[in-house]
């Protein structure tokens, strides 16, 4: 997978990066299909 990212053939779409405290809201957004792409949960500040 890393090779595909390096080649530019894999382009992951990141919708937003959120702190761990906002995980419940992020999960609801995913369940409600309100997101296009990935949501990254930041574990530490």
PDB file of N, CA and C in Angstrom:
ATOM      1  N   UNK A   1       0.822  -1.181   0.000  1.00  0.00           N
ATOM      2  CA  UNK A   1       0.000   0.000   0.000  1.00  0.00           C
ATOM      3  C   UNK A   1       0.876   1.259   0.000  1.00  0.00           C
ATOM      4  N   UNK A   2       1.970   1.220   0.735  1.00  0.00           N
ATOM      5  CA  UNK A   2       2.859   2.384   0.781  1.00  0.00           C
ATOM      6  C   UNK A   2       3.417   2.684  -0.604  1.00  0.00           C
ATOM      7  N   UNK A   3       3.718   1.624  -1.362  1.00  0.00           N
ATOM      8  CA  UNK A   3       4.228   1.828  -2.722  1.00  0.00           C
ATOM      9  C   UNK A   3       3.198   2.536  -3.585  1.00  0.00           C
ATOM     10  N   UNK A   4       1.921   2.198  -3.406  1.00  0.00           N
ATOM     11  CA  UNK A   4       0.878   2.858  -4.201  1.00  0.00           C
ATOM     12  C   UNK A   4       0.757   4.328  -3.831  1.00  0.00           C
ATOM     13  N   UNK A   5       0.906   4.659  -2.557  1.00  0.00           N
ATOM     14  CA  UNK A   5       0.865   6.060  -2.138  1.00  0.00           C
ATOM     15  C   UNK A   5       2.058   6.798  -2.724  1.00  0.00           C
ATOM     16  N   UNK A   6       3.248   6.173  -2.649  1.00  0.00           N
ATOM     17  CA  UNK A   6       4.449   6.793  -3.203  1.00  0.00           C
ATOM     18  C   UNK A   6       4.332   7.024  -4.703  1.00  0.00           C
ATOM     19  N   UNK A   7       3.723   6.072  -5.421  1.00  0.00           N
ATOM     20  CA  UNK A   7       3.540   6.202  -6.866  1.00  0.00           C
ATOM     21  C   UNK A   7       2.433   7.190  -7.221  1.00  0.00           C
ATOM     22  N   UNK A   8       1.562   7.475  -6.259  1.00  0.00           N
ATOM     23  CA  UNK A   8       0.453   8.376  -6.525  1.00  0.00           C
ATOM     24  C   UNK A   8      -0.773   7.670  -7.062  1.00  0.00           C
ATOM     25  N   UNK A   9      -0.772   6.333  -7.028  1.00  0.00           N
ATOM     26  CA  UNK A   9      -1.931   5.590  -7.520  1.00  0.00           C
ATOM     27  C   UNK A   9      -2.968   5.354  -6.425  1.00  0.00           C
ATOM     28  N   UNK A  10      -2.614   5.645  -5.195  1.00  0.00           N
ATOM     29  CA  UNK A  10      -3.555   5.542  -4.077  1.00  0.00           C
ATOM     30  C   UNK A  10      -3.602   6.906  -3.411  1.00  0.00           C
ATOM     31  N   UNK A  11      -4.757   7.502  -3.389  1.00  0.00           N
ATOM     32  CA  UNK A  11      -4.907   8.840  -2.844  1.00  0.00           C
ATOM     33  C   UNK A  11      -6.032   8.823  -1.806  1.00  0.00           C
ATOM     34  N   UNK A  12      -5.704   8.493  -0.548  1.00  0.00           N
ATOM     35  CA  UNK A  12      -6.746   8.441   0.470  1.00  0.00           C
ATOM     36  C   UNK A  12      -7.340   9.824   0.721  1.00  0.00           C
ATOM     37  N   UNK A  13      -8.639   9.881   0.795  1.00  0.00           N
ATOM     38  CA  UNK A  13      -9.334  11.140   1.046  1.00  0.00           C
ATOM     39  C   UNK A  13      -9.597  11.260   2.543  1.00  0.00           C
ATOM     40  N   UNK A  14      -9.048  12.303   3.132  1.00  0.00           N
ATOM     41  CA  UNK A  14      -9.246  12.547   4.555  1.00  0.00           C
ATOM     42  C   UNK A  14     -10.231  13.685   4.693  1.00  0.00           C
ATOM     43  N   UNK A  15     -11.352  13.391   5.330  1.00  0.00           N
ATOM     44  CA  UNK A  15     -12.393  14.388   5.521  1.00  0.00           C
ATOM     45  C   UNK A  15     -12.010  15.365   6.629  1.00  0.00           C
ATOM     46  N   UNK A  16     -11.571  14.831   7.777  1.00  0.00           N
ATOM     47  CA  UNK A  16     -11.165  15.698   8.875  1.00  0.00           C
ATOM     48  C   UNK A  16     -10.340  14.925   9.896  1.00  0.00           C
ATOM     49  N   UNK A  17      -9.617  15.672  10.727  1.00  0.00           N
ATOM     50  CA  UNK A  17      -8.829  15.115  11.818  1.00  0.00           C
ATOM     51  C   UNK A  17      -9.406  15.684  13.100  1.00  0.00           C
ATOM     52  N   UNK A  18      -9.811  14.788  14.002  1.00  0.00           N
ATOM     53  CA  UNK A  18     -10.484  15.216  15.222  1.00  0.00           C
ATOM     54  C   UNK A  18      -9.785  14.670  16.455  1.00  0.00           C
ATOM     55  N   UNK A  19      -9.919  15.369  17.589  1.00  0.00           N
ATOM     56  CA  UNK A  19      -9.377  14.828  18.836  1.00  0.00           C
ATOM     57  C   UNK A  19     -10.244  13.669  19.328  1.00  0.00           C
ATOM     58  N   UNK A  20      -9.680  12.857  20.191  1.00  0.00           N
ATOM     59  CA  UNK A  20     -10.377  11.687  20.720  1.00  0.00           C
ATOM     60  C   UNK A  20     -11.714  12.064  21.373  1.00  0.00           C
ATOM     61  N   UNK A  21     -11.783  13.220  21.963  1.00  0.00           N
ATOM     62  CA  UNK A  21     -13.008  13.657  22.634  1.00  0.00           C
ATOM     63  C   UNK A  21     -14.195  13.765  21.678  1.00  0.00           C
ATOM     64  N   UNK A  22     -13.927  13.958  20.398  1.00  0.00           N
ATOM     65  CA  UNK A  22     -14.999  14.108  19.407  1.00  0.00           C
ATOM     66  C   UNK A  22     -15.323  12.804  18.683  1.00  0.00           C
ATOM     67  N   UNK A  23     -14.803  11.692  19.198  1.00  0.00           N
ATOM     68  CA  UNK A  23     -15.047  10.398  18.568  1.00  0.00           C
ATOM     69  C   UNK A  23     -16.534  10.070  18.431  1.00  0.00           C
ATOM     70  N   UNK A  24     -17.370  10.277  19.481  1.00  0.00           N
ATOM     71  CA  UNK A  24     -18.800   9.951  19.317  1.00  0.00           C
ATOM     72  C   UNK A  24     -19.460  10.716  18.164  1.00  0.00           C
ATOM     73  N   UNK A  25     -19.145  11.980  18.031  1.00  0.00           N
ATOM     74  CA  UNK A  25     -19.718  12.775  16.936  1.00  0.00           C
ATOM     75  C   UNK A  25     -19.211  12.281  15.580  1.00  0.00           C
ATOM     76  N   UNK A  26     -17.937  11.910  15.529  1.00  0.00           N
ATOM     77  CA  UNK A  26     -17.378  11.395  14.281  1.00  0.00           C
ATOM     78  C   UNK A  26     -18.045  10.086  13.888  1.00  0.00           C
ATOM     79  N   UNK A  27     -18.266   9.227  14.867  1.00  0.00           N
ATOM     80  CA  UNK A  27     -18.921   7.955  14.597  1.00  0.00           C
ATOM     81  C   UNK A  27     -20.344   8.168  14.085  1.00  0.00           C
ATOM     82  N   UNK A  28     -21.050   9.111  14.667  1.00  0.00           N
ATOM     83  CA  UNK A  28     -22.407   9.427  14.192  1.00  0.00           C
ATOM     84  C   UNK A  28     -22.391   9.951  12.760  1.00  0.00           C
ATOM     85  N   UNK A  29     -21.393  10.744  12.423  1.00  0.00           N
ATOM     86  CA  UNK A  29     -21.268  11.247  11.050  1.00  0.00           C
ATOM     87  C   UNK A  29     -21.046  10.095  10.073  1.00  0.00           C
ATOM     88  N   UNK A  30     -20.207   9.145  10.467  1.00  0.00           N
ATOM     89  CA  UNK A  30     -19.970   7.981   9.610  1.00  0.00           C
ATOM     90  C   UNK A  30     -21.225   7.142   9.460  1.00  0.00           C
ATOM     91  N   UNK A  31     -21.906   6.893  10.570  1.00  0.00           N
ATOM     92  CA  UNK A  31     -23.131   6.086  10.530  1.00  0.00           C
ATOM     93  C   UNK A  31     -24.203   6.742   9.671  1.00  0.00           C
ATOM     94  N   UNK A  32     -24.274   8.070   9.738  1.00  0.00           N
ATOM     95  CA  UNK A  32     -25.270   8.804   8.965  1.00  0.00           C
ATOM     96  C   UNK A  32     -24.848   9.087   7.542  1.00  0.00           C
ATOM     97  N   UNK A  33     -23.687   8.555   7.152  1.00  0.00           N
ATOM     98  CA  UNK A  33     -23.151   8.752   5.799  1.00  0.00           C
ATOM     99  C   UNK A  33     -23.048  10.226   5.422  1.00  0.00           C
ATOM    100  N   UNK A  34     -22.621  11.030   6.376  1.00  0.00           N
ATOM    101  CA  UNK A  34     -22.459  12.465   6.158  1.00  0.00           C
ATOM    102  C   UNK A  34     -21.024  12.819   5.780  1.00  0.00           C
ATOM    103  N   UNK A  35     -20.190  11.802   5.619  1.00  0.00           N
ATOM    104  CA  UNK A  35     -18.761  12.007   5.403  1.00  0.00           C
ATOM    105  C   UNK A  35     -18.343  11.396   4.074  1.00  0.00           C
ATOM    106  N   UNK A  36     -17.522  12.133   3.350  1.00  0.00           N
ATOM    107  CA  UNK A  36     -16.883  11.587   2.148  1.00  0.00           C
ATOM    108  C   UNK A  36     -15.404  11.508   2.451  1.00  0.00           C
ATOM    109  N   UNK A  37     -14.885  10.338   2.628  1.00  0.00           N
ATOM    110  CA  UNK A  37     -13.480  10.165   2.970  1.00  0.00           C
ATOM    111  C   UNK A  37     -13.338   9.598   4.372  1.00  0.00           C
ATOM    112  N   UNK A  38     -12.148   9.712   4.898  1.00  0.00           N
ATOM    113  CA  UNK A  38     -11.822   9.137   6.200  1.00  0.00           C
ATOM    114  C   UNK A  38     -11.849  10.203   7.280  1.00  0.00           C
ATOM    115  N   UNK A  39     -12.150   9.763   8.479  1.00  0.00           N
ATOM    116  CA  UNK A  39     -12.022  10.617   9.647  1.00  0.00           C
ATOM    117  C   UNK A  39     -10.870  10.058  10.470  1.00  0.00           C
ATOM    118  N   UNK A  40      -9.916  10.899  10.760  1.00  0.00           N
ATOM    119  CA  UNK A  40      -8.755  10.516  11.557  1.00  0.00           C
ATOM    120  C   UNK A  40      -9.004  10.980  12.988  1.00  0.00           C
ATOM    121  N   UNK A  41      -8.839  10.057  13.950  1.00  0.00           N
ATOM    122  CA  UNK A  41      -8.982  10.406  15.364  1.00  0.00           C
ATOM    123  C   UNK A  41      -7.580  10.556  15.937  1.00  0.00           C
ATOM    124  N   UNK A  42      -7.304  11.741  16.434  1.00  0.00           N
ATOM    125  CA  UNK A  42      -6.009  12.037  17.042  1.00  0.00           C
ATOM    126  C   UNK A  42      -6.049  11.556  18.497  1.00  0.00           C
ATOM    127  N   UNK A  43      -5.144  10.658  18.854  1.00  0.00           N
ATOM    128  CA  UNK A  43      -5.148  10.052  20.178  1.00  0.00           C
ATOM    129  C   UNK A  43      -4.524  10.956  21.234  1.00  0.00           C
ATOM    130  N   UNK A  44      -3.611  11.815  20.840  1.00  0.00           N
ATOM    131  CA  UNK A  44      -2.935  12.718  21.780  1.00  0.00           C
ATOM    132  C   UNK A  44      -2.958  14.126  21.226  1.00  0.00           C
ATOM    133  N   UNK A  45      -2.814  15.087  22.133  1.00  0.00           N
ATOM    134  CA  UNK A  45      -2.786  16.494  21.711  1.00  0.00           C
ATOM    135  C   UNK A  45      -1.428  16.873  21.181  1.00  0.00           C
TER     136      UNK A  45
END
